[in-house]
Amino acid sequence: MNEPMRQQTRIPTAGRAAWALLAGLGTLSMSPEGAWAHAIVQRYDLPVPLWYYLAGAGLVVALTFVLLVTLRKEAAPAPP
C-alpha cells in the first residue's frame, strides 16, 4: 500500500484569468439592472383574445412532439 505521492497540479495563469473572467461575468449577470432593459412603460394588449394565444401555443407544443415522434429515426441495434 505504498502509493507514490501525487504532485499537485496547478492551474496555469491563463486558466486562472479565464475563471476570474467567468466569475466576474456571472456576478454581473445576476445584477437586477439588466432587467430594466425589458420594462414596458405602458400596458400592451394582445390583438387577439388570450385563449387564442394560449391555444396556439399549446398546439405548437403538441405538434412539435408529434413531429419529433414521427420523424425520429430508429436507434441502430447494438453490435454483438
Protein backbone atom coordinates (compact mmCIF):
# COMPACT_ATOMS: atom_id res chain seq x y z
CA MET A 1 0.00 0.00 0.00
CA ASN A 2 2.85 2.26 -0.74
CA GLU A 3 1.41 4.72 -3.21
CA PRO A 4 3.59 7.38 -4.77
CA MET A 5 2.75 10.88 -3.69
CA ARG A 6 0.75 12.79 -6.25
CA GLN A 7 2.00 16.13 -7.33
CA GLN A 8 -0.43 18.96 -7.02
CA THR A 9 -1.46 20.25 -10.39
CA ARG A 10 -1.51 23.99 -10.64
CA ILE A 11 -3.86 25.87 -12.91
CA PRO A 12 -1.88 27.95 -15.41
CA THR A 13 -2.14 31.71 -15.15
CA ALA A 14 -4.27 31.91 -18.32
CA GLY A 15 -6.69 29.37 -16.80
CA ARG A 16 -6.96 31.40 -13.61
CA ALA A 17 -7.64 34.54 -15.61
CA ALA A 18 -10.36 32.75 -17.57
CA TRP A 19 -12.02 31.53 -14.37
CA ALA A 20 -11.82 35.02 -12.88
CA LEU A 21 -13.41 36.46 -16.03
CA LEU A 22 -16.22 33.88 -15.92
CA ALA A 23 -16.83 34.55 -12.24
CA GLY A 24 -16.95 38.29 -12.87
CA LEU A 25 -19.36 37.92 -15.79
CA GLY A 26 -21.51 35.56 -13.75
CA THR A 27 -21.69 38.06 -10.93
CA LEU A 28 -22.61 40.87 -13.30
CA SER A 29 -25.31 38.78 -14.96
CA MET A 30 -27.09 38.47 -11.60
CA SER A 31 -27.42 42.22 -11.34
CA PRO A 32 -31.04 43.44 -11.48
CA GLU A 33 -30.03 46.44 -13.59
CA GLY A 34 -30.31 44.44 -16.83
CA ALA A 35 -33.96 43.67 -16.15
CA TRP A 36 -34.88 47.30 -16.70
CA ALA A 37 -33.99 46.93 -20.38
CA HIS A 38 -37.09 44.74 -20.77
CA ALA A 39 -39.50 47.03 -18.97
CA ILE A 40 -42.66 48.09 -20.76
CA VAL A 41 -43.78 51.56 -19.77
CA GLN A 42 -47.38 51.29 -20.88
CA ARG A 43 -49.86 48.44 -20.94
CA TYR A 44 -49.93 46.34 -24.10
CA ASP A 45 -52.97 44.27 -25.07
CA LEU A 46 -52.76 41.33 -27.45
CA PRO A 47 -54.54 41.86 -30.78
CA VAL A 48 -56.36 38.51 -30.27
CA PRO A 49 -58.21 37.07 -27.28
CA LEU A 50 -55.97 35.42 -24.69
CA TRP A 51 -57.46 31.98 -25.28
CA TYR A 52 -56.41 32.17 -28.98
CA TYR A 53 -52.88 32.88 -27.88
CA LEU A 54 -52.80 30.05 -25.31
CA ALA A 55 -54.49 27.55 -27.64
CA GLY A 56 -52.00 28.38 -30.40
CA ALA A 57 -49.06 27.96 -28.06
CA GLY A 58 -50.41 24.60 -26.86
CA LEU A 59 -50.95 23.41 -30.43
CA VAL A 60 -47.40 24.34 -31.38
CA VAL A 61 -46.01 22.35 -28.44
CA ALA A 62 -48.22 19.34 -29.25
CA LEU A 63 -47.32 19.49 -32.96
CA THR A 64 -43.63 19.61 -32.07
CA PHE A 65 -43.93 16.40 -30.05
CA VAL A 66 -45.92 14.69 -32.81
CA LEU A 67 -43.28 15.64 -35.39
CA LEU A 68 -40.45 14.50 -33.14
CA VAL A 69 -42.08 11.11 -32.64
CA THR A 70 -42.99 10.53 -36.28
CA LEU A 71 -39.71 11.75 -37.77
CA ARG A 72 -37.46 10.11 -35.22
CA LYS A 73 -35.04 7.59 -36.68
CA GLU A 74 -34.88 4.21 -35.00
CA ALA A 75 -31.78 3.60 -32.96
CA ALA A 76 -29.22 1.33 -34.56
CA PRO A 77 -29.00 -2.08 -32.89
CA ALA A 78 -26.08 -2.54 -30.57
CA PRO A 79 -23.16 -4.51 -32.05
CA PRO A 80 -22.76 -8.02 -30.62
